[in-house]
């Protein structure tokens, strides 16, 4: 059985290993740097909460999730 997704993941892993000379320490360092970069670019829940407006573009009150569940 041949799974194209698994083949793609294995190819990406092999390319990453080759790029870093098959050195696990270098691969781990790259992964840590990449993770830090992604975390610094991520939108935090705090920023998302302050960005929410109580009214939509046409001036109607935006429904909160609790109101959706009650059907109000």
PDB file of N, CA and C in Angstrom:
ATOM      1  N   UNK A   1       0.842  -1.175   0.000  1.00  0.00           N
ATOM      2  CA  UNK A   1       0.000   0.000   0.000  1.00  0.00           C
ATOM      3  C   UNK A   1       0.890   1.242   0.000  1.00  0.00           C
ATOM      4  N   UNK A   2       0.609   2.163  -0.892  1.00  0.00           N
ATOM      5  CA  UNK A   2       1.400   3.376  -1.041  1.00  0.00           C
ATOM      6  C   UNK A   2       0.522   4.575  -0.683  1.00  0.00           C
ATOM      7  N   UNK A   3       0.945   5.351   0.313  1.00  0.00           N
ATOM      8  CA  UNK A   3       0.191   6.514   0.746  1.00  0.00           C
ATOM      9  C   UNK A   3       0.978   7.773   0.364  1.00  0.00           C
ATOM     10  N   UNK A   4       0.424   8.618  -0.507  1.00  0.00           N
ATOM     11  CA  UNK A   4       1.164   9.793  -0.968  1.00  0.00           C
ATOM     12  C   UNK A   4       1.479  10.790   0.151  1.00  0.00           C
ATOM     13  N   UNK A   5       0.642  10.877   1.151  1.00  0.00           N
ATOM     14  CA  UNK A   5       0.900  11.806   2.258  1.00  0.00           C
ATOM     15  C   UNK A   5       2.103  11.338   3.071  1.00  0.00           C
ATOM     16  N   UNK A   6       2.141  10.045   3.362  1.00  0.00           N
ATOM     17  CA  UNK A   6       3.272   9.492   4.112  1.00  0.00           C
ATOM     18  C   UNK A   6       4.557   9.639   3.300  1.00  0.00           C
ATOM     19  N   UNK A   7       4.464   9.392   1.997  1.00  0.00           N
ATOM     20  CA  UNK A   7       5.636   9.560   1.129  1.00  0.00           C
ATOM     21  C   UNK A   7       6.135  11.001   1.152  1.00  0.00           C
ATOM     22  N   UNK A   8       5.211  11.962   1.142  1.00  0.00           N
ATOM     23  CA  UNK A   8       5.586  13.372   1.168  1.00  0.00           C
ATOM     24  C   UNK A   8       6.262  13.749   2.491  1.00  0.00           C
ATOM     25  N   UNK A   9       5.723  13.250   3.600  1.00  0.00           N
ATOM     26  CA  UNK A   9       6.314  13.532   4.912  1.00  0.00           C
ATOM     27  C   UNK A   9       7.717  12.933   5.002  1.00  0.00           C
ATOM     28  N   UNK A  10       7.866  11.711   4.539  1.00  0.00           N
ATOM     29  CA  UNK A  10       9.187  11.068   4.570  1.00  0.00           C
ATOM     30  C   UNK A  10      10.192  11.799   3.695  1.00  0.00           C
ATOM     31  N   UNK A  11       9.745  12.285   2.537  1.00  0.00           N
ATOM     32  CA  UNK A  11      10.636  13.031   1.645  1.00  0.00           C
ATOM     33  C   UNK A  11      11.058  14.353   2.287  1.00  0.00           C
ATOM     34  N   UNK A  12      10.124  15.029   2.949  1.00  0.00           N
ATOM     35  CA  UNK A  12      10.445  16.292   3.621  1.00  0.00           C
ATOM     36  C   UNK A  12      11.416  16.055   4.769  1.00  0.00           C
ATOM     37  N   UNK A  13      11.198  14.987   5.507  1.00  0.00           N
ATOM     38  CA  UNK A  13      12.093  14.644   6.623  1.00  0.00           C
ATOM     39  C   UNK A  13      13.492  14.322   6.107  1.00  0.00           C
ATOM     40  N   UNK A  14      13.583  13.585   5.007  1.00  0.00           N
ATOM     41  CA  UNK A  14      14.882  13.235   4.434  1.00  0.00           C
ATOM     42  C   UNK A  14      15.599  14.489   3.922  1.00  0.00           C
ATOM     43  N   UNK A  15      14.852  15.397   3.297  1.00  0.00           N
ATOM     44  CA  UNK A  15      15.462  16.628   2.792  1.00  0.00           C
ATOM     45  C   UNK A  15      15.981  17.490   3.939  1.00  0.00           C
ATOM     46  N   UNK A  16      15.217  17.570   5.021  1.00  0.00           N
ATOM     47  CA  UNK A  16      15.638  18.342   6.190  1.00  0.00           C
ATOM     48  C   UNK A  16      16.897  17.742   6.807  1.00  0.00           C
ATOM     49  N   UNK A  17      16.925  16.431   6.914  1.00  0.00           N
ATOM     50  CA  UNK A  17      18.110  15.763   7.466  1.00  0.00           C
ATOM     51  C   UNK A  17      19.336  16.015   6.588  1.00  0.00           C
ATOM     52  N   UNK A  18      19.160  15.911   5.284  1.00  0.00           N
ATOM     53  CA  UNK A  18      20.278  16.139   4.364  1.00  0.00           C
ATOM     54  C   UNK A  18      20.757  17.578   4.440  1.00  0.00           C
ATOM     55  N   UNK A  19      19.809  18.526   4.537  1.00  0.00           N
ATOM     56  CA  UNK A  19      20.143  19.950   4.608  1.00  0.00           C
ATOM     57  C   UNK A  19      21.015  20.268   5.824  1.00  0.00           C
ATOM     58  N   UNK A  20      20.819  19.516   6.915  1.00  0.00           N
ATOM     59  CA  UNK A  20      21.570  19.766   8.146  1.00  0.00           C
ATOM     60  C   UNK A  20      22.655  18.719   8.387  1.00  0.00           C
ATOM     61  N   UNK A  21      23.068  18.056   7.329  1.00  0.00           N
ATOM     62  CA  UNK A  21      24.176  17.119   7.416  1.00  0.00           C
ATOM     63  C   UNK A  21      23.896  15.899   8.281  1.00  0.00           C
ATOM     64  N   UNK A  22      22.648  15.529   8.399  1.00  0.00           N
ATOM     65  CA  UNK A  22      22.223  14.365   9.196  1.00  0.00           C
ATOM     66  C   UNK A  22      22.642  14.489  10.663  1.00  0.00           C
ATOM     67  N   UNK A  23      22.825  15.725  11.117  1.00  0.00           N
ATOM     68  CA  UNK A  23      23.243  16.001  12.500  1.00  0.00           C
ATOM     69  C   UNK A  23      21.997  16.328  13.320  1.00  0.00           C
ATOM     70  N   UNK A  24      21.672  15.455  14.269  1.00  0.00           N
ATOM     71  CA  UNK A  24      20.458  15.642  15.074  1.00  0.00           C
ATOM     72  C   UNK A  24      20.484  16.936  15.869  1.00  0.00           C
ATOM     73  N   UNK A  25      21.651  17.322  16.369  1.00  0.00           N
ATOM     74  CA  UNK A  25      21.749  18.563  17.145  1.00  0.00           C
ATOM     75  C   UNK A  25      21.420  19.774  16.275  1.00  0.00           C
ATOM     76  N   UNK A  26      21.890  19.773  15.028  1.00  0.00           N
ATOM     77  CA  UNK A  26      21.605  20.880  14.116  1.00  0.00           C
ATOM     78  C   UNK A  26      20.120  20.913  13.754  1.00  0.00           C
ATOM     79  N   UNK A  27      19.545  19.748  13.539  1.00  0.00           N
ATOM     80  CA  UNK A  27      18.120  19.673  13.212  1.00  0.00           C
ATOM     81  C   UNK A  27      17.293  20.180  14.387  1.00  0.00           C
ATOM     82  N   UNK A  28      17.655  19.784  15.598  1.00  0.00           N
ATOM     83  CA  UNK A  28      16.936  20.219  16.790  1.00  0.00           C
ATOM     84  C   UNK A  28      17.053  21.729  16.977  1.00  0.00           C
ATOM     85  N   UNK A  29      18.241  22.276  16.758  1.00  0.00           N
ATOM     86  CA  UNK A  29      18.434  23.729  16.867  1.00  0.00           C
ATOM     87  C   UNK A  29      17.582  24.462  15.842  1.00  0.00           C
ATOM     88  N   UNK A  30      17.549  23.955  14.612  1.00  0.00           N
ATOM     89  CA  UNK A  30      16.713  24.552  13.574  1.00  0.00           C
ATOM     90  C   UNK A  30      15.251  24.524  14.001  1.00  0.00           C
ATOM     91  N   UNK A  31      14.793  23.392  14.545  1.00  0.00           N
ATOM     92  CA  UNK A  31      13.404  23.263  14.970  1.00  0.00           C
ATOM     93  C   UNK A  31      13.071  24.249  16.092  1.00  0.00           C
ATOM     94  N   UNK A  32      13.981  24.426  17.026  1.00  0.00           N
ATOM     95  CA  UNK A  32      13.752  25.379  18.120  1.00  0.00           C
ATOM     96  C   UNK A  32      13.658  26.815  17.594  1.00  0.00           C
ATOM     97  N   UNK A  33      14.544  27.176  16.682  1.00  0.00           N
ATOM     98  CA  UNK A  33      14.507  28.516  16.102  1.00  0.00           C
ATOM     99  C   UNK A  33      13.218  28.739  15.312  1.00  0.00           C
ATOM    100  N   UNK A  34      12.823  27.737  14.548  1.00  0.00           N
ATOM    101  CA  UNK A  34      11.593  27.838  13.755  1.00  0.00           C
ATOM    102  C   UNK A  34      10.378  27.978  14.663  1.00  0.00           C
ATOM    103  N   UNK A  35      10.344  27.212  15.755  1.00  0.00           N
ATOM    104  CA  UNK A  35       9.236  27.284  16.704  1.00  0.00           C
ATOM    105  C   UNK A  35       9.160  28.671  17.338  1.00  0.00           C
ATOM    106  N   UNK A  36      10.305  29.215  17.739  1.00  0.00           N
ATOM    107  CA  UNK A  36      10.336  30.551  18.341  1.00  0.00           C
ATOM    108  C   UNK A  36       9.851  31.600  17.342  1.00  0.00           C
ATOM    109  N   UNK A  37      10.247  31.446  16.093  1.00  0.00           N
ATOM    110  CA  UNK A  37       9.816  32.376  15.046  1.00  0.00           C
ATOM    111  C   UNK A  37       8.305  32.313  14.857  1.00  0.00           C
ATOM    112  N   UNK A  38       7.766  31.117  14.811  1.00  0.00           N
ATOM    113  CA  UNK A  38       6.320  30.962  14.630  1.00  0.00           C
ATOM    114  C   UNK A  38       5.541  31.504  15.825  1.00  0.00           C
ATOM    115  N   UNK A  39       6.056  31.274  17.028  1.00  0.00           N
ATOM    116  CA  UNK A  39       5.379  31.773  18.225  1.00  0.00           C
ATOM    117  C   UNK A  39       5.394  33.291  18.276  1.00  0.00           C
ATOM    118  N   UNK A  40       6.473  33.906  17.823  1.00  0.00           N
ATOM    119  CA  UNK A  40       6.547  35.365  17.855  1.00  0.00           C
ATOM    120  C   UNK A  40       5.609  35.995  16.832  1.00  0.00           C
ATOM    121  N   UNK A  41       5.294  35.278  15.770  1.00  0.00           N
ATOM    122  CA  UNK A  41       4.400  35.793  14.736  1.00  0.00           C
ATOM    123  C   UNK A  41       2.936  35.465  15.002  1.00  0.00           C
ATOM    124  N   UNK A  42       2.670  34.581  15.934  1.00  0.00           N
ATOM    125  CA  UNK A  42       1.302  34.127  16.172  1.00  0.00           C
ATOM    126  C   UNK A  42       0.471  35.227  16.824  1.00  0.00           C
ATOM    127  N   UNK A  43      -0.798  35.258  16.490  1.00  0.00           N
ATOM    128  CA  UNK A  43      -1.726  36.174  17.132  1.00  0.00           C
ATOM    129  C   UNK A  43      -2.134  35.566  18.460  1.00  0.00           C
ATOM    130  N   UNK A  44      -1.957  36.314  19.512  1.00  0.00           N
ATOM    131  CA  UNK A  44      -2.305  35.787  20.824  1.00  0.00           C
ATOM    132  C   UNK A  44      -3.796  35.949  21.081  1.00  0.00           C
ATOM    133  N   UNK A  45      -4.314  35.158  22.006  1.00  0.00           N
ATOM    134  CA  UNK A  45      -5.725  35.260  22.372  1.00  0.00           C
ATOM    135  C   UNK A  45      -6.033  36.650  22.912  1.00  0.00           C
ATOM    136  N   UNK A  46      -5.070  37.224  23.606  1.00  0.00           N
ATOM    137  CA  UNK A  46      -5.271  38.553  24.169  1.00  0.00           C
ATOM    138  C   UNK A  46      -5.479  39.594  23.073  1.00  0.00           C
ATOM    139  N   UNK A  47      -4.659  39.537  22.031  1.00  0.00           N
ATOM    140  CA  UNK A  47      -4.818  40.487  20.926  1.00  0.00           C
ATOM    141  C   UNK A  47      -6.123  40.241  20.179  1.00  0.00           C
ATOM    142  N   UNK A  48      -6.499  38.985  20.038  1.00  0.00           N
ATOM    143  CA  UNK A  48      -7.748  38.660  19.348  1.00  0.00           C
ATOM    144  C   UNK A  48      -8.941  39.190  20.126  1.00  0.00           C
ATOM    145  N   UNK A  49      -8.910  39.084  21.446  1.00  0.00           N
ATOM    146  CA  UNK A  49     -10.025  39.522  22.275  1.00  0.00           C
ATOM    147  C   UNK A  49     -10.204  41.033  22.192  1.00  0.00           C
ATOM    148  N   UNK A  50      -9.118  41.782  22.149  1.00  0.00           N
ATOM    149  CA  UNK A  50      -9.236  43.237  22.086  1.00  0.00           C
ATOM    150  C   UNK A  50      -9.614  43.713  20.695  1.00  0.00           C
ATOM    151  N   UNK A  51      -9.394  42.885  19.690  1.00  0.00           N
ATOM    152  CA  UNK A  51      -9.715  43.280  18.326  1.00  0.00           C
ATOM    153  C   UNK A  51     -11.200  43.106  18.005  1.00  0.00           C
ATOM    154  N   UNK A  52     -11.933  42.341  18.801  1.00  0.00           N
ATOM    155  CA  UNK A  52     -13.337  42.076  18.519  1.00  0.00           C
ATOM    156  C   UNK A  52     -14.179  43.324  18.762  1.00  0.00           C
ATOM    157  N   UNK A  53     -15.059  43.612  17.846  1.00  0.00           N
ATOM    158  CA  UNK A  53     -15.932  44.777  17.953  1.00  0.00           C
ATOM    159  C   UNK A  53     -17.327  44.302  18.364  1.00  0.00           C
ATOM    160  N   UNK A  54     -18.026  45.078  19.196  1.00  0.00           N
ATOM    161  CA  UNK A  54     -19.367  44.667  19.597  1.00  0.00           C
ATOM    162  C   UNK A  54     -20.392  44.838  18.483  1.00  0.00           C
ATOM    163  N   UNK A  55     -20.045  45.580  17.436  1.00  0.00           N
ATOM    164  CA  UNK A  55     -20.978  45.799  16.342  1.00  0.00           C
ATOM    165  C   UNK A  55     -20.309  45.432  15.028  1.00  0.00           C
ATOM    166  N   UNK A  56     -21.105  44.913  14.111  1.00  0.00           N
ATOM    167  CA  UNK A  56     -20.532  44.560  12.814  1.00  0.00           C
ATOM    168  C   UNK A  56     -20.479  45.792  11.907  1.00  0.00           C
ATOM    169  N   UNK A  57     -20.129  45.597  10.647  1.00  0.00           N
ATOM    170  CA  UNK A  57     -19.906  46.706   9.724  1.00  0.00           C
ATOM    171  C   UNK A  57     -21.150  47.551   9.474  1.00  0.00           C
ATOM    172  N   UNK A  58     -22.339  46.959   9.555  1.00  0.00           N
ATOM    173  CA  UNK A  58     -23.546  47.734   9.271  1.00  0.00           C
ATOM    174  C   UNK A  58     -24.234  48.225  10.539  1.00  0.00           C
ATOM    175  N   UNK A  59     -23.554  48.116  11.672  1.00  0.00           N
ATOM    176  CA  UNK A  59     -24.066  48.701  12.902  1.00  0.00           C
ATOM    177  C   UNK A  59     -24.963  47.806  13.730  1.00  0.00           C
ATOM    178  N   UNK A  60     -25.128  46.554  13.345  1.00  0.00           N
ATOM    179  CA  UNK A  60     -25.946  45.649  14.140  1.00  0.00           C
ATOM    180  C   UNK A  60     -25.107  45.022  15.231  1.00  0.00           C
ATOM    181  N   UNK A  61     -25.747  44.766  16.349  1.00  0.00           N
ATOM    182  CA  UNK A  61     -25.035  44.164  17.470  1.00  0.00           C
ATOM    183  C   UNK A  61     -24.608  42.758  17.074  1.00  0.00           C
ATOM    184  N   UNK A  62     -23.337  42.441  17.291  1.00  0.00           N
ATOM    185  CA  UNK A  62     -22.812  41.107  16.977  1.00  0.00           C
ATOM    186  C   UNK A  62     -23.228  40.140  18.082  1.00  0.00           C
ATOM    187  N   UNK A  63     -23.671  38.971  17.710  1.00  0.00           N
ATOM    188  CA  UNK A  63     -24.108  37.968  18.684  1.00  0.00           C
ATOM    189  C   UNK A  63     -22.901  37.274  19.290  1.00  0.00           C
ATOM    190  N   UNK A  64     -22.951  37.084  20.587  1.00  0.00           N
ATOM    191  CA  UNK A  64     -21.919  36.329  21.288  1.00  0.00           C
ATOM    192  C   UNK A  64     -22.233  34.848  21.145  1.00  0.00           C
ATOM    193  N   UNK A  65     -21.240  33.975  21.274  1.00  0.00           N
ATOM    194  CA  UNK A  65     -21.495  32.535  21.137  1.00  0.00           C
ATOM    195  C   UNK A  65     -22.591  32.016  22.067  1.00  0.00           C
ATOM    196  N   UNK A  66     -22.712  32.574  23.274  1.00  0.00           N
ATOM    197  CA  UNK A  66     -23.755  32.118  24.191  1.00  0.00           C
ATOM    198  C   UNK A  66     -25.144  32.412  23.620  1.00  0.00           C
ATOM    199  N   UNK A  67     -25.268  33.547  22.931  1.00  0.00           N
ATOM    200  CA  UNK A  67     -26.546  33.912  22.325  1.00  0.00           C
ATOM    201  C   UNK A  67     -26.896  32.992  21.164  1.00  0.00           C
ATOM    202  N   UNK A  68     -25.870  32.521  20.459  1.00  0.00           N
ATOM    203  CA  UNK A  68     -26.116  31.600  19.344  1.00  0.00           C
ATOM    204  C   UNK A  68     -26.717  30.310  19.859  1.00  0.00           C
ATOM    205  N   UNK A  69     -26.196  29.812  20.991  1.00  0.00           N
ATOM    206  CA  UNK A  69     -26.667  28.546  21.527  1.00  0.00           C
ATOM    207  C   UNK A  69     -28.108  28.654  22.010  1.00  0.00           C
ATOM    208  N   UNK A  70     -28.492  29.813  22.554  1.00  0.00           N
ATOM    209  CA  UNK A  70     -29.861  29.999  23.051  1.00  0.00           C
ATOM    210  C   UNK A  70     -30.816  30.324  21.938  1.00  0.00           C
ATOM    211  N   UNK A  71     -30.279  30.719  20.785  1.00  0.00           N
ATOM    212  CA  UNK A  71     -31.140  31.057  19.668  1.00  0.00           C
ATOM    213  C   UNK A  71     -31.679  32.468  19.740  1.00  0.00           C
ATOM    214  N   UNK A  72     -31.056  33.344  20.519  1.00  0.00           N
ATOM    215  CA  UNK A  72     -31.522  34.727  20.649  1.00  0.00           C
ATOM    216  C   UNK A  72     -31.064  35.563  19.485  1.00  0.00           C
TER     217      UNK A  72
END
